[in-house]
Amino acid sequence: MKKIATILSCTIALFAMTSCDWFKLDNLDAWDASVEGKIIDQGTNEPVQMEQGNALSVYEKYGEQYDHTNQLGEKGWDGNSPVNWYVKNNGTYVNKLTFAGKYEMETRNLNFYAERVAFELKKGSNTVDFKVTPYLRVKNVQLSATSANVITAKCDIEVAVPGTTVSVVELCIYPDRWVRHGNGNNALNDPMAKVTNPSSLTGITLEIDPKRVVKDVEVNRSEFQYDRPHYVRIAALGLNSKKSGDAYNYSAVYKLENGTFTEVTDW
């Protein structure tokens, strides 16, 4: 019994010596700044249209959907990893949980060209817009639909960064507003929905026919098998040595319902 009491006394003493460390609060400072702004085309003063990133890069906070990323690093720290600020499809962003400090923005593999930009966030609310140049601009968009739901799109493509080659222009369609090239485009197999290496960058015409058959396959069946609204946008791929990888420039997103196209603005 004496041995048990001795062990218990030692345990209590050890707990007393270390309990302050066990219950010590983390001394990490809380977020003290927020920031919002736009990625602005310096040639038109309009936000640059973006696309949804993959599922792992989508960040949702306070009920708002963000996608795609700019790489930013906080200056003054050794070995500091870049952080991601996610941008909405309409080129705007909001980050409510960040720190005051000096930063530098570096674009990586996005659909615009920009030099590194240094800026500073103060405590509290901040607004920071970035002036950039998209590789391409999708202009003069005209959309129409027939009674048979055949969708026709016309547009012009403008090269904004010298040395950019337009390799593909395509009409993308999907059942939700996150329509884009690749994942989220149910017309990839429709030959009339895409123009490769266009000979002219004006008056480009694209078409999606719900009943189109290619080699005995209804290529747009997955999009039109149900009676529902459709979302469309035009994508243009520009190749340029200033960027790595493929990056598409886009028109705005339009909702097609009951034969009427309406631009989506509530991002």
C-alpha atoms as a PDB file:
ATOM      1  CA  MET A   1       0.000   0.000   0.000  1.00  0.00           C
ATOM      2  CA  LYS A   2       2.897   2.324   0.812  1.00  0.00           C
ATOM      3  CA  LYS A   3       4.413   1.639  -2.635  1.00  0.00           C
ATOM      4  CA  ILE A   4       1.145   2.573  -4.379  1.00  0.00           C
ATOM      5  CA  ALA A   5       0.898   5.793  -2.388  1.00  0.00           C
ATOM      6  CA  THR A   6       4.486   6.679  -3.318  1.00  0.00           C
ATOM      7  CA  ILE A   7       3.826   6.122  -7.040  1.00  0.00           C
ATOM      8  CA  LEU A   8       0.645   8.189  -6.833  1.00  0.00           C
ATOM      9  CA  SER A   9       2.498  11.034  -5.099  1.00  0.00           C
ATOM     10  CA  CYS A  10       5.181  11.045  -7.788  1.00  0.00           C
ATOM     11  CA  THR A  11       2.555  11.101 -10.525  1.00  0.00           C
ATOM     12  CA  ILE A  12       0.775  14.068  -8.927  1.00  0.00           C
ATOM     13  CA  ALA A  13       4.076  15.918  -8.567  1.00  0.00           C
ATOM     14  CA  LEU A  14       5.000  15.256 -12.197  1.00  0.00           C
ATOM     15  CA  PHE A  15       1.587  16.501 -13.343  1.00  0.00           C
ATOM     16  CA  ALA A  16       1.971  19.641 -11.235  1.00  0.00           C
ATOM     17  CA  MET A  17       5.343  20.409 -12.825  1.00  0.00           C
ATOM     18  CA  THR A  18       4.157  19.942 -16.412  1.00  0.00           C
ATOM     19  CA  SER A  19       0.495  20.944 -16.297  1.00  0.00           C
ATOM     20  CA  CYS A  20       1.283  24.565 -17.166  1.00  0.00           C
ATOM     21  CA  ASP A  21       2.869  23.417 -20.433  1.00  0.00           C
ATOM     22  CA  TRP A  22       0.001  21.074 -21.170  1.00  0.00           C
ATOM     23  CA  PHE A  23      -2.603  23.816 -20.906  1.00  0.00           C
ATOM     24  CA  LYS A  24      -0.523  26.650 -22.379  1.00  0.00           C
ATOM     25  CA  LEU A  25      -2.341  28.421 -25.235  1.00  0.00           C
ATOM     26  CA  ASP A  26      -0.846  28.518 -28.726  1.00  0.00           C
ATOM     27  CA  ASN A  27       0.839  31.876 -29.256  1.00  0.00           C
ATOM     28  CA  LEU A  28       0.083  32.027 -33.010  1.00  0.00           C
ATOM     29  CA  ASP A  29      -1.392  35.401 -33.949  1.00  0.00           C
ATOM     30  CA  ALA A  30      -4.931  35.396 -35.319  1.00  0.00           C
ATOM     31  CA  TRP A  31      -5.762  36.600 -38.824  1.00  0.00           C
ATOM     32  CA  ASP A  32      -5.822  40.373 -38.768  1.00  0.00           C
ATOM     33  CA  ALA A  33      -6.569  41.322 -42.382  1.00  0.00           C
ATOM     34  CA  SER A  34      -8.944  40.646 -45.245  1.00  0.00           C
ATOM     35  CA  VAL A  35      -8.569  41.440 -48.919  1.00  0.00           C
ATOM     36  CA  GLU A  36     -10.708  41.523 -52.042  1.00  0.00           C
ATOM     37  CA  GLY A  37     -10.223  42.695 -55.572  1.00  0.00           C
ATOM     38  CA  LYS A  38     -10.229  41.933 -59.283  1.00  0.00           C
ATOM     39  CA  ILE A  39      -7.932  40.534 -61.953  1.00  0.00           C
ATOM     40  CA  ILE A  40      -8.348  43.322 -64.497  1.00  0.00           C
ATOM     41  CA  ASP A  41      -7.542  43.314 -68.194  1.00  0.00           C
ATOM     42  CA  GLN A  42      -5.492  46.491 -68.487  1.00  0.00           C
ATOM     43  CA  GLY A  43      -6.495  46.837 -72.134  1.00  0.00           C
ATOM     44  CA  THR A  44     -10.265  46.849 -71.540  1.00  0.00           C
ATOM     45  CA  ASN A  45     -10.474  47.597 -67.796  1.00  0.00           C
ATOM     46  CA  GLU A  46     -12.788  44.577 -67.439  1.00  0.00           C
ATOM     47  CA  PRO A  47     -12.230  41.563 -65.158  1.00  0.00           C
ATOM     48  CA  VAL A  48     -10.506  38.615 -66.833  1.00  0.00           C
ATOM     49  CA  GLN A  49     -12.829  35.633 -67.188  1.00  0.00           C
ATOM     50  CA  MET A  50     -11.473  32.562 -65.384  1.00  0.00           C
ATOM     51  CA  GLU A  51     -12.338  28.878 -65.151  1.00  0.00           C
ATOM     52  CA  GLN A  52     -13.063  26.488 -62.352  1.00  0.00           C
ATOM     53  CA  GLY A  53     -10.014  24.615 -61.106  1.00  0.00           C
ATOM     54  CA  ASN A  54      -9.995  20.921 -60.348  1.00  0.00           C
ATOM     55  CA  ALA A  55     -11.849  19.601 -57.310  1.00  0.00           C
ATOM     56  CA  LEU A  56      -8.849  19.786 -55.004  1.00  0.00           C
ATOM     57  CA  SER A  57      -8.222  23.431 -55.733  1.00  0.00           C
ATOM     58  CA  VAL A  58     -11.752  24.673 -55.185  1.00  0.00           C
ATOM     59  CA  TYR A  59     -12.074  26.600 -51.919  1.00  0.00           C
ATOM     60  CA  GLU A  60     -15.429  27.540 -50.421  1.00  0.00           C
ATOM     61  CA  LYS A  61     -15.782  29.965 -47.509  1.00  0.00           C
ATOM     62  CA  TYR A  62     -18.785  31.825 -46.152  1.00  0.00           C
ATOM     63  CA  GLY A  63     -20.959  30.367 -48.876  1.00  0.00           C
ATOM     64  CA  GLU A  64     -18.923  31.838 -51.721  1.00  0.00           C
ATOM     65  CA  GLN A  65     -17.289  29.742 -54.428  1.00  0.00           C
ATOM     66  CA  TYR A  66     -13.746  30.463 -55.539  1.00  0.00           C
ATOM     67  CA  ASP A  67     -11.608  28.789 -58.106  1.00  0.00           C
ATOM     68  CA  HIS A  68      -8.308  28.935 -59.864  1.00  0.00           C
ATOM     69  CA  THR A  69      -5.266  30.375 -58.110  1.00  0.00           C
ATOM     70  CA  ASN A  70      -2.696  33.107 -58.035  1.00  0.00           C
ATOM     71  CA  GLN A  71       0.574  32.263 -56.353  1.00  0.00           C
ATOM     72  CA  LEU A  72       1.553  34.690 -53.599  1.00  0.00           C
ATOM     73  CA  GLY A  73       4.409  34.645 -51.158  1.00  0.00           C
ATOM     74  CA  GLU A  74       4.806  36.744 -48.023  1.00  0.00           C
ATOM     75  CA  LYS A  75       8.060  38.676 -48.085  1.00  0.00           C
ATOM     76  CA  GLY A  76      10.491  38.682 -45.177  1.00  0.00           C
ATOM     77  CA  TRP A  77      10.264  35.005 -44.187  1.00  0.00           C
ATOM     78  CA  ASP A  78      12.852  32.323 -44.895  1.00  0.00           C
ATOM     79  CA  GLY A  79      11.596  29.212 -46.669  1.00  0.00           C
ATOM     80  CA  ASN A  80       8.038  30.520 -46.791  1.00  0.00           C
ATOM     81  CA  SER A  81       5.773  28.530 -49.118  1.00  0.00           C
ATOM     82  CA  PRO A  82       3.423  30.373 -51.477  1.00  0.00           C
ATOM     83  CA  VAL A  83      -0.256  30.532 -50.520  1.00  0.00           C
ATOM     84  CA  ASN A  84      -3.193  30.343 -52.899  1.00  0.00           C
ATOM     85  CA  TRP A  85      -5.811  33.010 -53.323  1.00  0.00           C
ATOM     86  CA  TYR A  86      -8.728  31.592 -55.221  1.00  0.00           C
ATOM     87  CA  VAL A  87     -10.445  33.580 -57.955  1.00  0.00           C
ATOM     88  CA  LYS A  88     -14.069  33.365 -59.023  1.00  0.00           C
ATOM     89  CA  ASN A  89     -15.073  32.743 -62.628  1.00  0.00           C
ATOM     90  CA  ASN A  90     -15.707  36.451 -63.187  1.00  0.00           C
ATOM     91  CA  GLY A  91     -12.171  37.445 -62.176  1.00  0.00           C
ATOM     92  CA  THR A  92     -12.938  38.653 -58.645  1.00  0.00           C
ATOM     93  CA  TYR A  93     -11.645  37.244 -55.373  1.00  0.00           C
ATOM     94  CA  VAL A  94     -12.224  37.536 -51.611  1.00  0.00           C
ATOM     95  CA  ASN A  95      -9.927  36.345 -48.835  1.00  0.00           C
ATOM     96  CA  LYS A  96     -11.268  37.081 -45.361  1.00  0.00           C
ATOM     97  CA  LEU A  97      -8.596  35.189 -43.433  1.00  0.00           C
ATOM     98  CA  THR A  98      -5.124  36.537 -44.020  1.00  0.00           C
ATOM     99  CA  PHE A  99      -2.369  38.565 -42.345  1.00  0.00           C
ATOM    100  CA  ALA A 100      -1.110  42.112 -42.671  1.00  0.00           C
ATOM    101  CA  GLY A 101       2.293  42.235 -44.325  1.00  0.00           C
ATOM    102  CA  LYS A 102       4.243  42.710 -47.529  1.00  0.00           C
ATOM    103  CA  TYR A 103       3.485  40.382 -50.409  1.00  0.00           C
ATOM    104  CA  GLU A 104       4.482  39.694 -53.978  1.00  0.00           C
ATOM    105  CA  MET A 105       2.173  38.263 -56.617  1.00  0.00           C
ATOM    106  CA  GLU A 106       3.598  35.942 -59.266  1.00  0.00           C
ATOM    107  CA  THR A 107       1.362  34.407 -61.920  1.00  0.00           C
ATOM    108  CA  ARG A 108       1.928  30.773 -62.747  1.00  0.00           C
ATOM    109  CA  ASN A 109       0.264  28.971 -65.611  1.00  0.00           C
ATOM    110  CA  LEU A 110      -2.780  31.220 -65.692  1.00  0.00           C
ATOM    111  CA  ASN A 111      -4.535  32.686 -68.713  1.00  0.00           C
ATOM    112  CA  PHE A 112      -2.877  36.094 -68.543  1.00  0.00           C
ATOM    113  CA  TYR A 113       0.578  37.644 -68.502  1.00  0.00           C
ATOM    114  CA  ALA A 114       1.785  39.942 -65.733  1.00  0.00           C
ATOM    115  CA  GLU A 115       5.043  40.976 -64.140  1.00  0.00           C
ATOM    116  CA  ARG A 116       5.588  40.278 -60.453  1.00  0.00           C
ATOM    117  CA  VAL A 117       3.603  42.744 -58.357  1.00  0.00           C
ATOM    118  CA  ALA A 118       4.646  43.846 -54.860  1.00  0.00           C
ATOM    119  CA  PHE A 119       1.935  45.089 -52.507  1.00  0.00           C
ATOM    120  CA  GLU A 120       1.171  45.466 -48.821  1.00  0.00           C
ATOM    121  CA  LEU A 121      -1.854  44.524 -46.731  1.00  0.00           C
ATOM    122  CA  LYS A 122      -2.777  46.653 -43.745  1.00  0.00           C
ATOM    123  CA  LYS A 123      -4.679  45.388 -40.735  1.00  0.00           C
ATOM    124  CA  GLY A 124      -8.402  45.307 -41.443  1.00  0.00           C
ATOM    125  CA  SER A 125     -10.020  45.467 -44.868  1.00  0.00           C
ATOM    126  CA  ASN A 126      -7.986  45.851 -48.058  1.00  0.00           C
ATOM    127  CA  THR A 127      -8.764  46.157 -51.766  1.00  0.00           C
ATOM    128  CA  VAL A 128      -6.096  45.047 -54.234  1.00  0.00           C
ATOM    129  CA  ASP A 129      -6.698  44.880 -57.992  1.00  0.00           C
ATOM    130  CA  PHE A 130      -4.132  43.352 -60.338  1.00  0.00           C
ATOM    131  CA  LYS A 131      -3.728  44.805 -63.849  1.00  0.00           C
ATOM    132  CA  VAL A 132      -2.778  42.041 -66.303  1.00  0.00           C
ATOM    133  CA  THR A 133      -2.924  41.186 -70.005  1.00  0.00           C
ATOM    134  CA  PRO A 134      -4.865  38.074 -71.076  1.00  0.00           C
ATOM    135  CA  TYR A 135      -3.212  36.094 -73.847  1.00  0.00           C
ATOM    136  CA  LEU A 136      -6.424  36.260 -75.879  1.00  0.00           C
ATOM    137  CA  ARG A 137      -9.699  38.161 -75.750  1.00  0.00           C
ATOM    138  CA  VAL A 138     -13.007  36.593 -76.793  1.00  0.00           C
ATOM    139  CA  LYS A 139     -15.001  39.479 -78.256  1.00  0.00           C
ATOM    140  CA  ASN A 140     -18.313  40.294 -79.977  1.00  0.00           C
ATOM    141  CA  VAL A 141     -20.052  37.149 -78.746  1.00  0.00           C
ATOM    142  CA  GLN A 142     -23.389  36.372 -80.386  1.00  0.00           C
ATOM    143  CA  LEU A 143     -25.501  33.419 -79.255  1.00  0.00           C
ATOM    144  CA  SER A 144     -28.707  32.013 -80.752  1.00  0.00           C
ATOM    145  CA  ALA A 145     -30.814  28.855 -80.474  1.00  0.00           C
ATOM    146  CA  THR A 146     -33.373  27.375 -82.867  1.00  0.00           C
ATOM    147  CA  SER A 147     -36.637  25.675 -81.954  1.00  0.00           C
ATOM    148  CA  ALA A 148     -34.752  22.374 -82.280  1.00  0.00           C
ATOM    149  CA  ASN A 149     -32.281  23.584 -79.608  1.00  0.00           C
ATOM    150  CA  VAL A 150     -29.415  23.903 -82.087  1.00  0.00           C
ATOM    151  CA  ILE A 151     -27.002  26.379 -80.487  1.00  0.00           C
ATOM    152  CA  THR A 152     -24.951  28.722 -82.656  1.00  0.00           C
ATOM    153  CA  ALA A 153     -22.189  30.990 -81.350  1.00  0.00           C
ATOM    154  CA  LYS A 154     -20.220  33.631 -83.221  1.00  0.00           C
ATOM    155  CA  CYS A 155     -17.216  35.564 -81.943  1.00  0.00           C
ATOM    156  CA  ASP A 156     -13.975  37.317 -82.752  1.00  0.00           C
ATOM    157  CA  ILE A 157     -10.641  36.478 -81.109  1.00  0.00           C
ATOM    158  CA  GLU A 158      -8.101  39.185 -80.383  1.00  0.00           C
ATOM    159  CA  VAL A 159      -4.449  38.408 -79.646  1.00  0.00           C
ATOM    160  CA  ALA A 160      -3.517  40.590 -76.677  1.00  0.00           C
ATOM    161  CA  VAL A 161      -0.001  39.318 -75.925  1.00  0.00           C
ATOM    162  CA  PRO A 162       2.284  39.467 -78.997  1.00  0.00           C
ATOM    163  CA  GLY A 163       3.580  36.083 -80.100  1.00  0.00           C
ATOM    164  CA  THR A 164       0.441  34.202 -79.055  1.00  0.00           C
ATOM    165  CA  THR A 165      -0.872  31.631 -81.534  1.00  0.00           C
ATOM    166  CA  VAL A 166      -4.572  30.721 -81.478  1.00  0.00           C
ATOM    167  CA  SER A 167      -4.716  26.941 -81.683  1.00  0.00           C
ATOM    168  CA  VAL A 168      -8.311  26.109 -80.680  1.00  0.00           C
ATOM    169  CA  VAL A 169     -11.621  27.954 -80.324  1.00  0.00           C
ATOM    170  CA  GLU A 170     -14.527  25.920 -78.962  1.00  0.00           C
ATOM    171  CA  LEU A 171     -18.062  26.235 -77.664  1.00  0.00           C
ATOM    172  CA  CYS A 172     -18.372  24.601 -74.245  1.00  0.00           C
ATOM    173  CA  ILE A 173     -21.650  23.365 -72.742  1.00  0.00           C
ATOM    174  CA  TYR A 174     -22.544  21.828 -69.385  1.00  0.00           C
ATOM    175  CA  PRO A 175     -25.559  21.521 -67.033  1.00  0.00           C
ATOM    176  CA  ASP A 176     -24.123  23.958 -64.473  1.00  0.00           C
ATOM    177  CA  ARG A 177     -22.361  27.322 -64.456  1.00  0.00           C
ATOM    178  CA  TRP A 178     -18.875  25.862 -64.016  1.00  0.00           C
ATOM    179  CA  VAL A 179     -18.721  25.042 -67.714  1.00  0.00           C
ATOM    180  CA  ARG A 180     -15.211  25.121 -69.179  1.00  0.00           C
ATOM    181  CA  HIS A 181     -12.873  23.243 -71.494  1.00  0.00           C
ATOM    182  CA  GLY A 182     -12.151  19.669 -70.507  1.00  0.00           C
ATOM    183  CA  ASN A 183     -13.939  18.597 -67.365  1.00  0.00           C
ATOM    184  CA  GLY A 184     -17.234  20.393 -67.632  1.00  0.00           C
ATOM    185  CA  ASN A 185     -17.731  20.375 -71.402  1.00  0.00           C
ATOM    186  CA  ASN A 186     -20.169  17.892 -72.886  1.00  0.00           C
ATOM    187  CA  ALA A 187     -19.501  18.868 -76.517  1.00  0.00           C
ATOM    188  CA  LEU A 188     -15.883  17.797 -76.809  1.00  0.00           C
ATOM    189  CA  ASN A 189     -16.795  15.178 -79.406  1.00  0.00           C
ATOM    190  CA  ASP A 190     -18.935  17.483 -81.537  1.00  0.00           C
ATOM    191  CA  PRO A 191     -16.793  18.471 -84.557  1.00  0.00           C
ATOM    192  CA  MET A 192     -18.881  21.602 -85.248  1.00  0.00           C
ATOM    193  CA  ALA A 193     -18.283  22.938 -81.733  1.00  0.00           C
ATOM    194  CA  LYS A 194     -14.557  23.387 -82.295  1.00  0.00           C
ATOM    195  CA  VAL A 195     -12.271  25.201 -84.743  1.00  0.00           C
ATOM    196  CA  THR A 196      -8.606  24.201 -84.795  1.00  0.00           C
ATOM    197  CA  ASN A 197      -5.955  26.655 -86.010  1.00  0.00           C
ATOM    198  CA  PRO A 198      -8.527  29.107 -87.402  1.00  0.00           C
ATOM    199  CA  SER A 199      -7.472  30.822 -90.623  1.00  0.00           C
ATOM    200  CA  SER A 200      -9.290  33.986 -89.569  1.00  0.00           C
ATOM    201  CA  LEU A 201      -9.877  35.363 -86.076  1.00  0.00           C
ATOM    202  CA  THR A 202     -13.046  37.253 -87.024  1.00  0.00           C
ATOM    203  CA  GLY A 203     -16.504  35.826 -87.548  1.00  0.00           C
ATOM    204  CA  ILE A 204     -15.711  32.408 -86.059  1.00  0.00           C
ATOM    205  CA  THR A 205     -18.868  30.265 -86.027  1.00  0.00           C
ATOM    206  CA  LEU A 206     -19.435  27.302 -83.711  1.00  0.00           C
ATOM    207  CA  GLU A 207     -22.455  25.015 -83.384  1.00  0.00           C
ATOM    208  CA  ILE A 208     -23.867  22.354 -81.074  1.00  0.00           C
ATOM    209  CA  ASP A 209     -26.724  20.213 -82.371  1.00  0.00           C
ATOM    210  CA  PRO A 210     -28.459  17.989 -79.770  1.00  0.00           C
ATOM    211  CA  LYS A 211     -29.149  15.389 -82.462  1.00  0.00           C
ATOM    212  CA  ARG A 212     -25.763  15.397 -84.157  1.00  0.00           C
ATOM    213  CA  VAL A 213     -24.595  11.878 -85.112  1.00  0.00           C
ATOM    214  CA  VAL A 214     -20.938  11.056 -85.722  1.00  0.00           C
ATOM    215  CA  LYS A 215     -20.117   7.487 -86.745  1.00  0.00           C
ATOM    216  CA  ASP A 216     -23.528   6.259 -85.545  1.00  0.00           C
ATOM    217  CA  VAL A 217     -23.085   7.934 -82.133  1.00  0.00           C
ATOM    218  CA  GLU A 218     -25.190  10.821 -80.807  1.00  0.00           C
ATOM    219  CA  VAL A 219     -22.214  12.833 -79.563  1.00  0.00           C
ATOM    220  CA  ASN A 220     -24.252  15.329 -77.515  1.00  0.00           C
ATOM    221  CA  ARG A 221     -26.657  12.879 -75.930  1.00  0.00           C
ATOM    222  CA  SER A 222     -25.196  13.224 -72.427  1.00  0.00           C
ATOM    223  CA  GLU A 223     -26.006  16.947 -72.373  1.00  0.00           C
ATOM    224  CA  PHE A 224     -29.475  16.830 -73.878  1.00  0.00           C
ATOM    225  CA  GLN A 225     -30.977  13.635 -72.477  1.00  0.00           C
ATOM    226  CA  TYR A 226     -32.932  15.665 -69.891  1.00  0.00           C
ATOM    227  CA  ASP A 227     -35.038  18.801 -70.180  1.00  0.00           C
ATOM    228  CA  ARG A 228     -32.981  21.282 -68.169  1.00  0.00           C
ATOM    229  CA  PRO A 229     -31.154  24.610 -68.530  1.00  0.00           C
ATOM    230  CA  HIS A 230     -27.751  24.590 -70.219  1.00  0.00           C
ATOM    231  CA  TYR A 231     -24.711  26.776 -69.616  1.00  0.00           C
ATOM    232  CA  VAL A 232     -22.365  27.779 -72.423  1.00  0.00           C
ATOM    233  CA  ARG A 233     -19.211  29.814 -72.929  1.00  0.00           C
ATOM    234  CA  ILE A 234     -16.564  30.155 -75.608  1.00  0.00           C
ATOM    235  CA  ALA A 235     -13.006  29.050 -74.889  1.00  0.00           C
ATOM    236  CA  ALA A 236      -9.895  29.996 -76.856  1.00  0.00           C
ATOM    237  CA  LEU A 237      -6.501  28.384 -76.354  1.00  0.00           C
ATOM    238  CA  GLY A 238      -3.470  30.539 -77.045  1.00  0.00           C
ATOM    239  CA  LEU A 239       0.073  29.181 -77.146  1.00  0.00           C
ATOM    240  CA  ASN A 240       2.849  31.515 -76.034  1.00  0.00           C
ATOM    241  CA  SER A 241       6.413  31.008 -74.803  1.00  0.00           C
ATOM    242  CA  LYS A 242       5.742  33.330 -71.845  1.00  0.00           C
ATOM    243  CA  LYS A 243       3.639  30.705 -70.094  1.00  0.00           C
ATOM    244  CA  SER A 244       4.003  27.035 -69.285  1.00  0.00           C
ATOM    245  CA  GLY A 245       1.219  24.605 -70.042  1.00  0.00           C
ATOM    246  CA  ASP A 246      -2.159  25.260 -71.640  1.00  0.00           C
ATOM    247  CA  ALA A 247      -4.367  28.095 -70.428  1.00  0.00           C
ATOM    248  CA  TYR A 248      -7.699  28.997 -71.980  1.00  0.00           C
ATOM    249  CA  ASN A 249      -9.178  32.458 -72.241  1.00  0.00           C
ATOM    250  CA  TYR A 250     -12.959  32.643 -72.017  1.00  0.00           C
ATOM    251  CA  SER A 251     -16.084  34.557 -72.748  1.00  0.00           C
ATOM    252  CA  ALA A 252     -18.557  35.124 -69.948  1.00  0.00           C
ATOM    253  CA  VAL A 253     -20.851  32.222 -68.966  1.00  0.00           C
ATOM    254  CA  TYR A 254     -24.389  32.258 -70.368  1.00  0.00           C
ATOM    255  CA  LYS A 255     -27.431  30.336 -69.201  1.00  0.00           C
ATOM    256  CA  LEU A 256     -29.730  28.961 -71.908  1.00  0.00           C
ATOM    257  CA  GLU A 257     -33.297  28.421 -70.752  1.00  0.00           C
ATOM    258  CA  ASN A 258     -36.467  28.379 -72.848  1.00  0.00           C
ATOM    259  CA  GLY A 259     -34.529  29.555 -75.896  1.00  0.00           C
ATOM    260  CA  THR A 260     -33.109  32.648 -74.134  1.00  0.00           C
ATOM    261  CA  PHE A 261     -29.484  33.320 -73.239  1.00  0.00           C
ATOM    262  CA  THR A 262     -28.741  35.236 -70.019  1.00  0.00           C
ATOM    263  CA  GLU A 263     -25.247  36.120 -68.795  1.00  0.00           C
ATOM    264  CA  VAL A 264     -24.448  34.675 -65.374  1.00  0.00           C
ATOM    265  CA  THR A 265     -23.375  37.499 -63.055  1.00  0.00           C
ATOM    266  CA  ASP A 266     -24.103  36.271 -59.509  1.00  0.00           C
ATOM    267  CA  TRP A 267     -20.747  34.685 -58.774  1.00  0.00           C
END
